[in-house]
Amino acid sequence: MLPAALSTGSAVGIGYGLCGVRSPAPPAIALLGAARDAGGGTRRPSCPTPFRQPALRCPACPGAHPAAGITDLSSDVARDISAALNGLLADVFATYLKTKDFHWRMTGPHFPDYHLLLDEHGDQIYAMTDPVAERVRKIGGTTLRSIGQIARTQRIADNDAEYVEPQDMPAELRDDNLRLTSAMREVHNTCDGYHDLATASLLEVWIDETERRTWFLYEGYAGRGVRTGARDLLPPCRIPMPAGLA
């Protein structure tokens, strides 16, 4: 049975969202609040109550507030990192779909090698999507909801051409992976500024994987060109280097 204070809806059963608006706290959370009160728990600077309240739909403002019980990041920090991660997530989905498209449409004498390579790359890229989205949720953010939202958010260009020259496919994917690396470095910088070590550590692994894909796309095709005497090697990279890295 719940304590009388909780069953009667006293102040212990009332919490504050990060906006400062009072909203009902679930009984279990309210019970934790009562225990914290009894033990002299400290109040979180951004929340006037000593207990940690999960994300609730605030009655006075739209949207759910980042949960005090999920992360110690402030609502502003969680918002900025979530926005950066959602932009990255849209780029990852766009790169994945183009990689699979070129995997399906690859032709020519080196079809088996590139068909298998792009299949491997596609699996690696797709494996990023769930951790990126879950990281957004772990800090109380909202993830992408639809293909339409991905299309509005992505910065990696689609390729809807009816036909793409086989030698242009690795060149385009190389450029896209370079863009993806630059995007991840930007998100990493944002996380560093907010001391979000968990997100930054994930990004470091993905940056290394993306650089490896870029390396394979460049060296694999260029190496074949050298061995066969072909002159149509991969064209020069079209991606400008970020400031400070040139």
Protein backbone atom coordinates (compact mmCIF):
# COMPACT_ATOMS: atom_id res chain seq x y z
CA MET A 1 0.00 0.00 0.00
CA LEU A 2 1.21 3.48 -0.80
CA PRO A 3 1.89 5.95 2.00
CA ALA A 4 -1.05 8.20 2.76
CA ALA A 5 0.85 11.22 1.51
CA LEU A 6 1.12 9.62 -1.90
CA SER A 7 -2.39 8.24 -2.14
CA THR A 8 -3.92 11.58 -1.22
CA GLY A 9 -2.00 13.47 -3.91
CA SER A 10 0.05 15.66 -1.56
CA ALA A 11 2.99 17.77 -2.66
CA VAL A 12 5.22 14.70 -2.56
CA GLY A 13 3.26 13.34 -5.50
CA ILE A 14 3.74 16.50 -7.51
CA GLY A 15 6.85 17.20 -9.57
CA TYR A 16 8.27 19.92 -11.75
CA GLY A 17 9.38 19.54 -15.35
CA LEU A 18 12.55 21.27 -16.46
CA CYS A 19 10.33 24.20 -17.46
CA GLY A 20 9.35 24.68 -13.80
CA VAL A 21 5.70 23.73 -14.35
CA ARG A 22 4.12 21.43 -11.79
CA SER A 23 3.00 18.06 -13.14
CA PRO A 24 1.97 14.79 -11.44
CA ALA A 25 4.83 12.45 -10.65
CA PRO A 26 4.32 8.67 -10.96
CA PRO A 27 3.86 7.05 -7.51
CA ALA A 28 7.16 5.16 -7.69
CA ILE A 29 9.08 8.31 -8.50
CA ALA A 30 7.20 10.26 -5.85
CA LEU A 31 8.12 7.57 -3.32
CA LEU A 32 11.77 8.06 -4.24
CA GLY A 33 11.25 11.77 -3.74
CA ALA A 34 9.87 11.18 -0.26
CA ALA A 35 12.87 9.01 0.59
CA ARG A 36 15.24 11.66 -0.70
CA ASP A 37 13.46 14.32 1.36
CA ALA A 38 13.86 12.17 4.46
CA GLY A 39 17.54 11.69 3.74
CA GLY A 40 18.23 15.33 3.01
CA GLY A 41 18.67 14.89 -0.75
CA THR A 42 20.06 17.81 -2.71
CA ARG A 43 18.02 19.69 -5.26
CA ARG A 44 19.08 19.73 -8.90
CA PRO A 45 19.78 23.33 -10.02
CA SER A 46 17.41 23.11 -12.99
CA CYS A 47 14.62 21.38 -11.06
CA PRO A 48 13.07 22.62 -7.78
CA THR A 49 12.31 19.09 -6.55
CA PRO A 50 14.81 16.68 -4.98
CA PHE A 51 13.57 13.61 -6.87
CA ARG A 52 14.37 12.64 -10.45
CA GLN A 53 11.25 12.72 -12.62
CA PRO A 54 10.99 10.92 -15.98
CA ALA A 55 10.01 12.83 -19.12
CA LEU A 56 6.36 13.83 -18.86
CA ARG A 57 4.09 15.70 -21.22
CA CYS A 58 4.09 19.16 -19.70
CA PRO A 59 0.56 20.59 -19.36
CA ALA A 60 1.76 24.16 -19.97
CA CYS A 61 4.25 23.77 -22.84
CA PRO A 62 4.42 21.53 -25.92
CA GLY A 63 6.65 18.49 -26.05
CA ALA A 64 8.23 16.34 -23.39
CA HIS A 65 11.07 17.75 -21.33
CA PRO A 66 14.36 15.84 -21.09
CA ALA A 67 14.14 13.62 -18.09
CA ALA A 68 16.01 14.61 -14.99
CA GLY A 69 16.23 10.92 -14.15
CA ILE A 70 17.71 9.99 -17.55
CA THR A 71 20.65 12.37 -17.82
CA ASP A 72 22.48 15.01 -15.86
CA LEU A 73 22.75 17.17 -19.01
CA SER A 74 20.68 20.32 -18.97
CA SER A 75 17.68 20.65 -21.27
CA ASP A 76 19.54 23.13 -23.51
CA VAL A 77 22.54 20.82 -23.84
CA ALA A 78 20.33 17.80 -24.54
CA ARG A 79 18.48 19.81 -27.20
CA ASP A 80 21.69 20.87 -28.97
CA ILE A 81 23.23 17.41 -28.96
CA SER A 82 19.95 15.78 -30.05
CA ALA A 83 19.66 18.18 -32.99
CA ALA A 84 23.24 17.45 -34.04
CA LEU A 85 22.70 13.70 -33.77
CA ASN A 86 19.44 13.82 -35.74
CA GLY A 87 21.22 15.68 -38.55
CA LEU A 88 23.91 13.01 -38.51
CA LEU A 89 21.29 10.25 -38.43
CA ALA A 90 19.63 11.65 -41.57
CA ASP A 91 23.02 11.71 -43.34
CA VAL A 92 23.74 8.15 -42.26
CA PHE A 93 20.42 6.92 -43.68
CA ALA A 94 21.06 8.80 -46.96
CA THR A 95 24.56 7.33 -47.25
CA TYR A 96 23.27 3.86 -46.45
CA LEU A 97 20.58 3.95 -49.12
CA LYS A 98 22.97 5.25 -51.80
CA THR A 99 25.53 2.60 -50.86
CA LYS A 100 22.93 -0.14 -51.23
CA ASP A 101 21.66 1.39 -54.47
CA PHE A 102 25.15 1.32 -55.98
CA HIS A 103 25.62 -2.19 -54.59
CA TRP A 104 22.56 -3.28 -56.55
CA ARG A 105 23.41 -1.35 -59.74
CA MET A 106 27.17 -1.99 -59.99
CA THR A 107 28.24 -3.45 -63.35
CA GLY A 108 31.46 -4.13 -65.22
CA PRO A 109 34.43 -6.50 -64.91
CA HIS A 110 34.93 -5.72 -61.20
CA PHE A 111 31.28 -6.22 -60.31
CA PRO A 112 31.84 -9.14 -57.86
CA ASP A 113 34.42 -7.27 -55.79
CA TYR A 114 32.52 -4.00 -55.56
CA HIS A 115 29.16 -5.71 -55.13
CA LEU A 116 30.49 -7.48 -52.05
CA LEU A 117 32.44 -4.45 -50.78
CA LEU A 118 29.42 -2.14 -50.95
CA ASP A 119 27.28 -4.76 -49.26
CA GLU A 120 29.77 -4.81 -46.38
CA HIS A 121 29.86 -1.02 -46.28
CA GLY A 122 26.06 -0.83 -46.26
CA ASP A 123 25.83 -3.18 -43.29
CA GLN A 124 28.42 -1.14 -41.39
CA ILE A 125 26.65 2.15 -42.10
CA TYR A 126 23.22 0.79 -41.18
CA ALA A 127 24.64 -0.53 -37.90
CA MET A 128 25.21 3.09 -36.87
CA THR A 129 21.55 4.12 -37.09
CA ASP A 130 20.19 2.43 -33.98
CA PRO A 131 22.99 3.59 -31.62
CA VAL A 132 22.68 7.17 -32.93
CA ALA A 133 18.91 7.22 -32.41
CA GLU A 134 19.13 5.53 -29.02
CA ARG A 135 21.74 8.05 -27.92
CA VAL A 136 19.22 10.79 -28.70
CA ARG A 137 16.63 9.05 -26.55
CA LYS A 138 19.10 8.41 -23.71
CA ILE A 139 19.54 12.15 -23.25
CA GLY A 140 15.80 12.83 -23.46
CA GLY A 141 15.62 13.96 -27.11
CA THR A 142 13.21 13.06 -29.90
CA THR A 143 14.39 11.02 -32.88
CA LEU A 144 13.57 11.26 -36.59
CA ARG A 145 10.09 9.97 -37.35
CA SER A 146 9.81 9.38 -41.09
CA ILE A 147 11.43 9.20 -44.52
CA GLY A 148 10.08 12.69 -45.16
CA GLN A 149 11.85 14.08 -42.10
CA ILE A 150 15.07 12.37 -43.17
CA ALA A 151 14.75 14.00 -46.62
CA ARG A 152 14.24 17.43 -45.06
CA THR A 153 17.18 17.00 -42.69
CA GLN A 154 19.86 15.18 -44.72
CA ARG A 155 22.87 16.99 -46.17
CA ILE A 156 24.14 14.04 -48.24
CA ALA A 157 22.70 14.44 -51.75
CA ASP A 158 20.61 11.67 -53.30
CA ASN A 159 21.42 10.28 -56.74
CA ASP A 160 18.23 9.63 -58.68
CA ALA A 161 19.94 9.26 -62.06
CA GLU A 162 18.62 6.47 -64.25
CA TYR A 163 22.17 5.35 -64.98
CA VAL A 164 25.45 5.93 -63.13
CA GLU A 165 28.80 5.01 -64.64
CA PRO A 166 30.38 2.20 -62.60
CA GLN A 167 33.62 4.16 -62.12
CA ASP A 168 31.64 7.12 -60.76
CA MET A 169 29.98 5.09 -58.01
CA PRO A 170 33.03 4.60 -55.76
CA ALA A 171 34.07 8.22 -56.38
CA GLU A 172 30.67 9.52 -55.25
CA LEU A 173 30.56 7.24 -52.25
CA ARG A 174 34.07 8.29 -51.31
CA ASP A 175 32.96 11.93 -51.32
CA ASP A 176 29.85 11.09 -49.30
CA ASN A 177 31.90 9.24 -46.69
CA LEU A 178 34.23 12.22 -46.45
CA ARG A 179 31.20 14.46 -45.84
CA LEU A 180 29.98 12.02 -43.22
CA THR A 181 33.36 12.13 -41.48
CA SER A 182 33.26 15.94 -41.43
CA ALA A 183 29.71 15.87 -40.03
CA MET A 184 30.76 13.48 -37.27
CA ARG A 185 33.72 15.68 -36.34
CA GLU A 186 31.33 18.63 -35.99
CA VAL A 187 29.03 16.63 -33.70
CA HIS A 188 32.09 15.46 -31.76
CA ASN A 189 33.11 19.08 -31.25
CA THR A 190 29.63 19.86 -29.93
CA CYS A 191 29.82 16.93 -27.52
CA ASP A 192 33.29 17.96 -26.36
CA GLY A 193 32.01 21.43 -25.57
CA TYR A 194 29.32 19.93 -23.34
CA HIS A 195 31.51 17.16 -21.88
CA ASP A 196 29.26 14.46 -23.34
CA LEU A 197 31.87 11.72 -23.25
CA ALA A 198 29.52 8.87 -24.10
CA THR A 199 28.40 10.32 -27.44
CA ALA A 200 31.94 11.45 -28.27
CA SER A 201 33.33 7.96 -27.69
CA LEU A 202 30.78 6.43 -30.07
CA LEU A 203 31.64 9.02 -32.72
CA GLU A 204 35.34 8.22 -32.51
CA VAL A 205 34.67 4.61 -33.49
CA TRP A 206 32.38 5.64 -36.34
CA ILE A 207 34.88 8.19 -37.65
CA ASP A 208 37.51 5.45 -37.83
CA GLU A 209 35.10 3.11 -39.65
CA THR A 210 34.12 5.85 -42.11
CA GLU A 211 37.74 6.71 -42.82
CA ARG A 212 38.37 3.03 -43.54
CA ARG A 213 35.49 2.94 -46.05
CA THR A 214 36.84 6.08 -47.72
CA TRP A 215 40.29 4.50 -47.91
CA PHE A 216 38.96 1.30 -49.50
CA LEU A 217 36.84 3.19 -52.02
CA TYR A 218 39.81 5.27 -53.10
CA GLU A 219 42.67 2.76 -53.02
CA GLY A 220 40.68 -0.15 -54.43
CA TYR A 221 39.67 1.64 -57.60
CA ALA A 222 42.90 3.60 -58.03
CA GLY A 223 44.95 0.42 -57.57
CA ARG A 224 43.03 -1.35 -60.31
CA GLY A 225 43.59 1.58 -62.62
CA VAL A 226 47.35 1.44 -62.06
CA ARG A 227 47.55 -2.29 -62.66
CA THR A 228 45.49 -2.23 -65.84
CA GLY A 229 47.03 0.92 -67.26
CA ALA A 230 43.66 2.64 -67.31
CA ARG A 231 43.74 6.42 -67.25
CA ASP A 232 40.27 6.95 -65.76
CA LEU A 233 41.26 6.75 -62.10
CA LEU A 234 39.10 8.24 -59.40
CA PRO A 235 38.69 11.97 -60.01
CA PRO A 236 40.16 14.43 -57.49
CA CYS A 237 38.20 14.78 -54.28
CA ARG A 238 35.55 17.50 -54.52
CA ILE A 239 35.10 17.95 -50.76
CA PRO A 240 36.68 21.08 -49.25
CA MET A 241 38.76 20.36 -46.18
CA PRO A 242 37.38 21.75 -42.91
CA ALA A 243 39.12 24.83 -41.59
CA GLY A 244 42.29 23.95 -39.72
CA LEU A 245 42.67 20.55 -41.44
CA ALA A 246 43.79 21.72 -44.88
